Amino acid sequence: MGIARARSRIQTLMTEETQKSLFGERYRVVTVEGDRLVVRGVLSGNILTIINPEPEIPLTAEEYPPGKLIALTDPSTAVPN
C-alpha cells in the first residue's frame, strides 16, 4: 500500500471514529441562542454549538429547555422524504 493511500485510509478511519463518537453520545441542552442550540455531551463534556439549518423554523427554549436530554442523528444516513 502506498503512503498516499495509507494516509487516505487513516483519514477515513478518523472521520468514521469522529462520527461514531459524535452521533453515539447523548447531549444535554445548555441554551438556545437565536438560531443556535448549545449542548454538552453527557459522557465527554464536549460543548457543541449547532446552527439551525432551517431558520424559517426557529429553535425555541420551550422545545429545547435547559437540561433536556437529546441525541444527534447523522444527516448522511437519514432516509430522504
N, C-alpha and C. Protein backbone atom coordinates (compact mmCIF):
# COMPACT_ATOMS: atom_id res chain seq x y z
N MET A 1 0.86 -1.18 0.00
CA MET A 1 0.00 0.00 0.00
C MET A 1 0.90 1.24 0.00
N GLY A 2 0.61 2.18 -0.89
CA GLY A 2 1.38 3.40 -0.97
C GLY A 2 1.10 4.33 0.20
N ILE A 3 2.02 5.27 0.42
CA ILE A 3 1.88 6.21 1.54
C ILE A 3 0.62 7.05 1.39
N ALA A 4 0.34 7.55 0.18
CA ALA A 4 -0.84 8.38 -0.03
C ALA A 4 -2.12 7.59 0.26
N ARG A 5 -2.14 6.34 -0.16
CA ARG A 5 -3.32 5.51 0.08
C ARG A 5 -3.47 5.22 1.57
N ALA A 6 -2.38 4.97 2.25
CA ALA A 6 -2.42 4.73 3.70
C ALA A 6 -2.93 5.97 4.44
N ARG A 7 -2.46 7.15 4.04
CA ARG A 7 -2.93 8.39 4.67
C ARG A 7 -4.43 8.57 4.46
N SER A 8 -4.88 8.28 3.24
CA SER A 8 -6.30 8.41 2.93
C SER A 8 -7.12 7.47 3.80
N ARG A 9 -6.64 6.25 3.99
CA ARG A 9 -7.35 5.27 4.82
C ARG A 9 -7.37 5.72 6.28
N ILE A 10 -6.29 6.28 6.77
CA ILE A 10 -6.23 6.78 8.15
C ILE A 10 -7.23 7.92 8.33
N GLN A 11 -7.28 8.84 7.36
CA GLN A 11 -8.23 9.95 7.45
C GLN A 11 -9.66 9.44 7.45
N THR A 12 -9.95 8.43 6.62
CA THR A 12 -11.29 7.85 6.58
C THR A 12 -11.64 7.23 7.93
N LEU A 13 -10.73 6.48 8.51
CA LEU A 13 -10.98 5.87 9.81
C LEU A 13 -11.18 6.91 10.90
N MET A 14 -10.40 7.99 10.86
CA MET A 14 -10.54 9.05 11.85
C MET A 14 -11.91 9.70 11.70
N THR A 15 -12.35 9.92 10.47
CA THR A 15 -13.66 10.52 10.23
C THR A 15 -14.75 9.60 10.75
N GLU A 16 -14.63 8.29 10.51
CA GLU A 16 -15.63 7.34 10.98
C GLU A 16 -15.68 7.32 12.51
N GLU A 17 -14.52 7.37 13.16
CA GLU A 17 -14.47 7.39 14.62
C GLU A 17 -15.11 8.66 15.17
N THR A 18 -14.83 9.80 14.54
CA THR A 18 -15.42 11.06 14.97
C THR A 18 -16.93 10.99 14.85
N GLN A 19 -17.43 10.46 13.73
CA GLN A 19 -18.88 10.36 13.54
C GLN A 19 -19.50 9.43 14.57
N LYS A 20 -18.85 8.29 14.84
CA LYS A 20 -19.38 7.37 15.84
C LYS A 20 -19.46 8.03 17.21
N SER A 21 -18.40 8.75 17.58
CA SER A 21 -18.40 9.38 18.90
C SER A 21 -19.40 10.54 18.96
N LEU A 22 -19.52 11.29 17.90
CA LEU A 22 -20.42 12.44 17.86
C LEU A 22 -21.88 11.99 17.91
N PHE A 23 -22.22 11.01 17.07
CA PHE A 23 -23.61 10.58 16.98
C PHE A 23 -23.94 9.45 17.95
N GLY A 24 -22.95 8.92 18.64
CA GLY A 24 -23.19 7.85 19.60
C GLY A 24 -23.37 8.35 21.01
N GLU A 25 -23.23 9.63 21.22
CA GLU A 25 -23.33 10.22 22.56
C GLU A 25 -24.67 10.92 22.73
N ARG A 26 -25.08 11.07 23.96
CA ARG A 26 -26.27 11.86 24.29
C ARG A 26 -25.80 13.21 24.81
N TYR A 27 -26.66 14.21 24.65
CA TYR A 27 -26.31 15.59 25.00
C TYR A 27 -27.41 16.21 25.84
N ARG A 28 -27.00 17.14 26.70
CA ARG A 28 -27.96 17.95 27.46
C ARG A 28 -27.94 19.36 26.89
N VAL A 29 -29.13 19.91 26.73
CA VAL A 29 -29.24 21.28 26.23
C VAL A 29 -28.71 22.24 27.28
N VAL A 30 -27.85 23.16 26.84
CA VAL A 30 -27.34 24.21 27.71
C VAL A 30 -28.19 25.46 27.51
N THR A 31 -28.37 25.86 26.25
CA THR A 31 -29.16 27.06 25.96
C THR A 31 -29.53 27.10 24.48
N VAL A 32 -30.53 27.91 24.18
CA VAL A 32 -30.87 28.26 22.80
C VAL A 32 -30.52 29.72 22.65
N GLU A 33 -29.70 30.03 21.65
CA GLU A 33 -29.27 31.42 21.40
C GLU A 33 -29.61 31.77 19.96
N GLY A 34 -30.79 32.32 19.74
CA GLY A 34 -31.21 32.68 18.39
C GLY A 34 -31.34 31.44 17.52
N ASP A 35 -30.50 31.35 16.49
CA ASP A 35 -30.55 30.20 15.58
C ASP A 35 -29.56 29.11 15.97
N ARG A 36 -29.06 29.14 17.21
CA ARG A 36 -28.06 28.18 17.68
C ARG A 36 -28.54 27.43 18.92
N LEU A 37 -28.22 26.14 18.92
CA LEU A 37 -28.51 25.29 20.07
C LEU A 37 -27.17 24.87 20.66
N VAL A 38 -26.96 25.16 21.94
CA VAL A 38 -25.71 24.81 22.60
C VAL A 38 -26.00 23.61 23.50
N VAL A 39 -25.21 22.54 23.29
CA VAL A 39 -25.40 21.31 24.05
C VAL A 39 -24.07 20.84 24.63
N ARG A 40 -24.15 19.99 25.68
CA ARG A 40 -22.94 19.43 26.31
C ARG A 40 -23.08 17.91 26.33
N GLY A 41 -22.02 17.23 25.89
CA GLY A 41 -22.00 15.77 25.90
C GLY A 41 -22.07 15.24 27.32
N VAL A 42 -22.96 14.26 27.54
CA VAL A 42 -23.13 13.69 28.87
C VAL A 42 -21.86 12.98 29.31
N LEU A 43 -21.25 12.19 28.43
CA LEU A 43 -20.05 11.45 28.79
C LEU A 43 -18.77 12.24 28.59
N SER A 44 -18.68 12.92 27.44
CA SER A 44 -17.43 13.61 27.10
C SER A 44 -17.31 14.99 27.73
N GLY A 45 -18.44 15.63 27.97
CA GLY A 45 -18.41 17.01 28.46
C GLY A 45 -18.15 18.02 27.36
N ASN A 46 -18.00 17.54 26.11
CA ASN A 46 -17.75 18.44 24.98
C ASN A 46 -18.95 19.35 24.75
N ILE A 47 -18.67 20.61 24.48
CA ILE A 47 -19.70 21.59 24.17
C ILE A 47 -19.80 21.71 22.64
N LEU A 48 -21.03 21.59 22.13
CA LEU A 48 -21.27 21.74 20.70
C LEU A 48 -22.26 22.88 20.48
N THR A 49 -22.03 23.66 19.45
CA THR A 49 -22.99 24.67 19.04
C THR A 49 -23.53 24.23 17.69
N ILE A 50 -24.82 24.00 17.66
CA ILE A 50 -25.48 23.52 16.44
C ILE A 50 -26.24 24.68 15.84
N ILE A 51 -25.94 24.97 14.58
CA ILE A 51 -26.62 26.06 13.87
C ILE A 51 -27.84 25.48 13.17
N ASN A 52 -28.97 26.10 13.37
CA ASN A 52 -30.23 25.65 12.79
C ASN A 52 -30.15 25.70 11.27
N PRO A 53 -30.28 24.54 10.60
CA PRO A 53 -30.22 24.52 9.14
C PRO A 53 -31.50 25.02 8.48
N GLU A 54 -32.57 25.19 9.28
CA GLU A 54 -33.85 25.64 8.76
C GLU A 54 -34.31 26.88 9.53
N PRO A 55 -33.73 28.04 9.23
CA PRO A 55 -34.05 29.24 10.02
C PRO A 55 -35.51 29.65 9.98
N GLU A 56 -36.25 29.18 8.96
CA GLU A 56 -37.68 29.51 8.91
C GLU A 56 -38.47 28.78 9.99
N ILE A 57 -37.86 27.74 10.58
CA ILE A 57 -38.44 27.03 11.72
C ILE A 57 -37.53 27.31 12.92
N PRO A 58 -37.84 28.34 13.70
CA PRO A 58 -36.93 28.75 14.78
C PRO A 58 -36.83 27.72 15.92
N LEU A 59 -35.67 27.71 16.54
CA LEU A 59 -35.46 26.92 17.75
C LEU A 59 -36.02 27.71 18.92
N THR A 60 -36.67 27.02 19.85
CA THR A 60 -37.23 27.72 21.00
C THR A 60 -36.81 27.05 22.30
N ALA A 61 -36.79 27.84 23.36
CA ALA A 61 -36.48 27.32 24.69
C ALA A 61 -37.58 26.38 25.17
N GLU A 62 -38.80 26.54 24.65
CA GLU A 62 -39.89 25.64 25.01
C GLU A 62 -39.64 24.25 24.44
N GLU A 63 -39.11 24.20 23.22
CA GLU A 63 -38.83 22.92 22.57
C GLU A 63 -37.53 22.30 23.11
N TYR A 64 -36.56 23.15 23.43
CA TYR A 64 -35.26 22.71 23.93
C TYR A 64 -34.94 23.39 25.25
N PRO A 65 -35.64 23.02 26.32
CA PRO A 65 -35.35 23.65 27.61
C PRO A 65 -33.99 23.20 28.15
N PRO A 66 -33.32 24.06 28.92
CA PRO A 66 -32.05 23.66 29.51
C PRO A 66 -32.19 22.35 30.28
N GLY A 67 -31.24 21.46 30.06
CA GLY A 67 -31.25 20.16 30.74
C GLY A 67 -31.89 19.04 29.96
N LYS A 68 -32.62 19.39 28.87
CA LYS A 68 -33.27 18.36 28.08
C LYS A 68 -32.21 17.43 27.48
N LEU A 69 -32.47 16.13 27.54
CA LEU A 69 -31.57 15.12 27.00
C LEU A 69 -31.93 14.86 25.54
N ILE A 70 -30.93 14.99 24.65
CA ILE A 70 -31.17 14.77 23.23
C ILE A 70 -30.05 13.89 22.66
N ALA A 71 -30.31 13.33 21.49
CA ALA A 71 -29.31 12.60 20.73
C ALA A 71 -29.27 13.22 19.34
N LEU A 72 -28.10 13.22 18.74
CA LEU A 72 -27.94 13.76 17.40
C LEU A 72 -28.03 12.62 16.39
N THR A 73 -28.59 12.91 15.22
CA THR A 73 -28.64 11.92 14.16
C THR A 73 -27.76 12.38 13.01
N ASP A 74 -27.15 11.45 12.35
CA ASP A 74 -26.27 11.72 11.23
C ASP A 74 -27.11 12.00 9.99
N PRO A 75 -27.10 13.24 9.47
CA PRO A 75 -27.93 13.56 8.31
C PRO A 75 -27.54 12.76 7.05
N SER A 76 -26.32 12.25 7.00
CA SER A 76 -25.93 11.48 5.82
C SER A 76 -26.55 10.10 5.80
N THR A 77 -27.13 9.67 6.93
CA THR A 77 -27.77 8.35 6.98
C THR A 77 -29.29 8.46 7.04
N ALA A 78 -29.82 9.68 6.99
CA ALA A 78 -31.27 9.88 7.08
C ALA A 78 -31.94 9.42 5.79
N VAL A 79 -33.14 8.87 5.94
CA VAL A 79 -33.92 8.45 4.78
C VAL A 79 -34.56 9.69 4.17
N PRO A 80 -34.40 9.87 2.84
CA PRO A 80 -34.99 11.06 2.21
C PRO A 80 -36.51 11.04 2.29
N ASN A 81 -37.11 12.23 2.39
CA ASN A 81 -38.58 12.34 2.44
C ASN A 81 -39.20 12.06 1.12
